[in-house]
C-alpha atoms as a PDB file:
ATOM      1  CA  MET A   1      -3.283   9.026  30.459  1.00  0.00           C
ATOM      2  CA  ALA A   2      -4.451   9.207  26.900  1.00  0.00           C
ATOM      3  CA  HIS A   3      -7.420   6.717  26.043  1.00  0.00           C
ATOM      4  CA  HIS A   4      -6.410   4.826  22.274  1.00  0.00           C
ATOM      5  CA  ASN A   5      -9.236   3.355  20.043  1.00  0.00           C
ATOM      6  CA  PRO A   6      -8.230   0.815  18.316  1.00  0.00           C
ATOM      7  CA  LYS A   7      -8.247   1.569  14.512  1.00  0.00           C
ATOM      8  CA  GLY A   8     -11.870   2.610  12.824  1.00  0.00           C
ATOM      9  CA  THR A   9     -13.397   3.083  15.601  1.00  0.00           C
ATOM     10  CA  MET A  10     -14.615   6.302  16.488  1.00  0.00           C
ATOM     11  CA  PRO A  11     -13.577   8.051  19.969  1.00  0.00           C
ATOM     12  CA  ARG A  12     -16.360   8.967  21.985  1.00  0.00           C
ATOM     13  CA  TRP A  13     -16.342  12.946  21.493  1.00  0.00           C
ATOM     14  CA  TRP A  14     -17.125  11.822  17.756  1.00  0.00           C
ATOM     15  CA  GLU A  15     -20.201   9.778  19.178  1.00  0.00           C
ATOM     16  CA  LEU A  16     -20.848  13.037  20.916  1.00  0.00           C
ATOM     17  CA  VAL A  17     -21.071  14.847  18.022  1.00  0.00           C
ATOM     18  CA  GLU A  18     -23.381  12.299  16.113  1.00  0.00           C
ATOM     19  CA  THR A  19     -25.686  12.071  18.829  1.00  0.00           C
ATOM     20  CA  VAL A  20     -26.080  15.743  18.861  1.00  0.00           C
ATOM     21  CA  ARG A  21     -26.171  16.143  14.903  1.00  0.00           C
ATOM     22  CA  LEU A  22     -28.698  12.865  14.780  1.00  0.00           C
ATOM     23  CA  ALA A  23     -31.054  14.595  17.591  1.00  0.00           C
ATOM     24  CA  TRP A  24     -30.710  17.857  15.226  1.00  0.00           C
ATOM     25  CA  GLN A  25     -32.142  15.944  11.734  1.00  0.00           C
ATOM     26  CA  LEU A  26     -34.643  14.336  13.913  1.00  0.00           C
ATOM     27  CA  PHE A  27     -35.770  17.772  15.358  1.00  0.00           C
ATOM     28  CA  THR A  28     -36.301  19.046  11.845  1.00  0.00           C
ATOM     29  CA  ASP A  29     -37.815  16.363  10.897  1.00  0.00           C
ATOM     30  CA  ARG A  30     -41.904  16.453   9.886  1.00  0.00           C
ATOM     31  CA  ARG A  31     -42.203  12.445  11.063  1.00  0.00           C
ATOM     32  CA  VAL A  32     -41.532  13.507  14.417  1.00  0.00           C
ATOM     33  CA  THR A  33     -44.545  15.188  16.691  1.00  0.00           C
ATOM     34  CA  PRO A  34     -44.000  18.799  17.471  1.00  0.00           C
ATOM     35  CA  LEU A  35     -44.765  17.184  21.776  1.00  0.00           C
ATOM     36  CA  LEU A  36     -41.261  15.427  21.427  1.00  0.00           C
ATOM     37  CA  LYS A  37     -39.825  18.147  20.091  1.00  0.00           C
ATOM     38  CA  LEU A  38     -40.417  19.482  23.117  1.00  0.00           C
ATOM     39  CA  ILE A  39     -38.231  17.260  25.137  1.00  0.00           C
ATOM     40  CA  PRO A  40     -34.644  19.196  24.161  1.00  0.00           C
ATOM     41  CA  LEU A  41     -36.561  22.156  24.211  1.00  0.00           C
ATOM     42  CA  VAL A  42     -37.116  22.088  27.975  1.00  0.00           C
ATOM     43  CA  ALA A  43     -33.440  20.296  28.319  1.00  0.00           C
ATOM     44  CA  ALA A  44     -31.704  23.279  26.340  1.00  0.00           C
ATOM     45  CA  ILE A  45     -33.953  25.917  28.431  1.00  0.00           C
ATOM     46  CA  TYR A  46     -32.215  24.324  32.009  1.00  0.00           C
ATOM     47  CA  VAL A  47     -29.168  24.495  30.752  1.00  0.00           C
ATOM     48  CA  LEU A  48     -29.444  28.153  30.098  1.00  0.00           C
ATOM     49  CA  LEU A  49     -32.069  29.347  32.995  1.00  0.00           C
ATOM     50  CA  PRO A  50     -29.948  29.923  36.765  1.00  0.00           C
ATOM     51  CA  VAL A  51     -31.764  27.343  37.801  1.00  0.00           C
ATOM     52  CA  ASP A  52     -30.391  23.766  38.605  1.00  0.00           C
ATOM     53  CA  ILE A  53     -30.091  20.614  40.551  1.00  0.00           C
ATOM     54  CA  SER A  54     -26.469  21.581  41.808  1.00  0.00           C
ATOM     55  CA  PRO A  55     -25.768  24.795  41.768  1.00  0.00           C
ATOM     56  CA  ASP A  56     -22.994  26.208  38.222  1.00  0.00           C
ATOM     57  CA  VAL A  57     -20.908  27.582  40.844  1.00  0.00           C
ATOM     58  CA  ILE A  58     -19.435  24.865  42.637  1.00  0.00           C
ATOM     59  CA  PRO A  59     -16.850  23.880  39.422  1.00  0.00           C
ATOM     60  CA  ILE A  60     -17.148  20.864  37.772  1.00  0.00           C
ATOM     61  CA  VAL A  61     -20.151  19.405  39.527  1.00  0.00           C
ATOM     62  CA  GLY A  62     -21.985  22.070  38.725  1.00  0.00           C
ATOM     63  CA  GLN A  63     -21.025  21.886  34.397  1.00  0.00           C
ATOM     64  CA  VAL A  64     -21.619  18.218  34.942  1.00  0.00           C
ATOM     65  CA  ASP A  65     -25.311  18.596  35.513  1.00  0.00           C
ATOM     66  CA  ASP A  66     -26.381  20.382  32.747  1.00  0.00           C
ATOM     67  CA  LEU A  67     -24.327  17.472  30.052  1.00  0.00           C
ATOM     68  CA  ALA A  68     -26.215  14.679  32.352  1.00  0.00           C
ATOM     69  CA  VAL A  69     -29.555  16.576  31.854  1.00  0.00           C
ATOM     70  CA  LEU A  70     -29.453  17.540  27.753  1.00  0.00           C
ATOM     71  CA  LEU A  71     -27.643  14.232  26.907  1.00  0.00           C
ATOM     72  CA  GLY A  72     -30.299  12.539  28.709  1.00  0.00           C
ATOM     73  CA  ALA A  73     -32.598  14.323  26.879  1.00  0.00           C
ATOM     74  CA  LEU A  74     -31.256  13.848  24.121  1.00  0.00           C
ATOM     75  CA  HIS A  75     -30.751   9.822  24.141  1.00  0.00           C
ATOM     76  CA  LEU A  76     -34.865   9.766  25.099  1.00  0.00           C
ATOM     77  CA  PHE A  77     -36.008  12.027  22.272  1.00  0.00           C
ATOM     78  CA  ILE A  78     -33.653   9.895  19.800  1.00  0.00           C
ATOM     79  CA  ARG A  79     -35.102   7.100  21.487  1.00  0.00           C
ATOM     80  CA  LEU A  80     -38.627   7.651  21.317  1.00  0.00           C
ATOM     81  CA  CYS A  81     -38.744   9.489  17.853  1.00  0.00           C
ATOM     82  CA  PRO A  82     -40.086   6.561  15.153  1.00  0.00           C
ATOM     83  CA  SER A  83     -37.339   4.011  13.912  1.00  0.00           C
ATOM     84  CA  GLU A  84     -37.714   4.779  10.200  1.00  0.00           C
ATOM     85  CA  ALA A  85     -36.736   8.567  10.839  1.00  0.00           C
ATOM     86  CA  VAL A  86     -33.811   7.494  13.230  1.00  0.00           C
ATOM     87  CA  ALA A  87     -32.946   4.925  11.218  1.00  0.00           C
ATOM     88  CA  GLN A  88     -32.374   7.315   7.892  1.00  0.00           C
ATOM     89  CA  TYR A  89     -30.194  10.234   9.724  1.00  0.00           C
ATOM     90  CA  ARG A  90     -28.640   7.830  11.706  1.00  0.00           C
ATOM     91  CA  GLU A  91     -27.169   6.318   8.617  1.00  0.00           C
ATOM     92  CA  ALA A  92     -26.386   9.521   7.181  1.00  0.00           C
ATOM     93  CA  VAL A  93     -24.753  11.109  10.569  1.00  0.00           C
ATOM     94  CA  SER A  94     -22.430   8.234  11.081  1.00  0.00           C
ATOM     95  CA  ALA A  95     -21.772   7.681   6.928  1.00  0.00           C
ATOM     96  CA  PRO A  96     -17.430   8.226   6.005  1.00  0.00           C
ATOM     97  CA  THR A  97     -16.897  12.478   5.325  1.00  0.00           C
ATOM     98  CA  ASP A  98     -14.497  10.889   2.327  1.00  0.00           C
ATOM     99  CA  HIS A  99     -16.601  13.023   0.259  1.00  0.00           C
ATOM    100  CA  PHE A 100     -14.940  15.860   1.818  1.00  0.00           C
ATOM    101  CA  GLU A 101     -11.361  14.803   0.415  1.00  0.00           C
ATOM    102  CA  ASP A 102     -13.130  14.858  -3.636  1.00  0.00           C
ATOM    103  CA  ASP A 103     -14.281  19.035  -3.299  1.00  0.00           C
ATOM    104  CA  VAL A 104     -10.452  19.769  -1.663  1.00  0.00           C
ATOM    105  CA  ASP A 105      -7.729  21.187  -4.564  1.00  0.00           C
ATOM    106  CA  VAL A 106      -4.462  18.774  -3.598  1.00  0.00           C
ATOM    107  CA  ILE A 107      -1.512  20.287  -5.847  1.00  0.00           C
ATOM    108  CA  ASP A 108       1.277  17.446  -5.712  1.00  0.00           C
ATOM    109  CA  GLY A 109       5.120  18.405  -5.905  1.00  0.00           C
ATOM    110  CA  GLU A 110       7.889  17.360  -5.625  1.00  0.00           C
ATOM    111  CA  TRP A 111      10.861  20.026  -3.417  1.00  0.00           C
ATOM    112  CA  ARG A 112      14.479  19.547  -3.249  1.00  0.00           C
ATOM    113  CA  SER A 113      16.726  21.653  -0.363  1.00  0.00           C
ATOM    114  CA  ILE A 114      19.668  23.849  -2.250  1.00  0.00           C
ATOM    115  CA  ASP A 115      22.344  24.896  -0.740  1.00  0.00           C
ATOM    116  CA  VAL A 116      22.970  28.244  -1.330  1.00  0.00           C
ATOM    117  CA  ASP A 117      26.500  28.187  -0.386  1.00  0.00           C
ATOM    118  CA  GLU A 118      26.811  25.338  -3.142  1.00  0.00           C
ATOM    119  CA  GLU A 119      25.302  27.124  -6.123  1.00  0.00           C
ATOM    120  CA  TRP A 120      27.663  29.700  -5.652  1.00  0.00           C
ATOM    121  CA  ARG A 121      30.902  27.657  -5.662  1.00  0.00           C
ATOM    122  CA  SER A 122      29.811  26.097  -9.150  1.00  0.00           C
END
């Protein structure tokens, strides 16, 4: 059964996307020390290396530990980053994306269905 979110709340996968975007913004920020930037780097290396807590050959379990390590590292990284940088980027990352609608060209129009047989009879 699919989980239904009330109107105005984000689905859990979107929170994951926002966490990754926030971590990337913080990773590229000069206020974040190089030592802190090692946290997501080490996690990424762990995910890419064949050495795991649970081997990737075990279906699902092998991938879940990689995901858990990566998410845990991202949350730790965000938590240890300077709070003013986190606040700045969190606001930018979670801002509504309505501005995309302004960039799209929309052609309004009307349509009608024509019965070809009727057109030929009149």
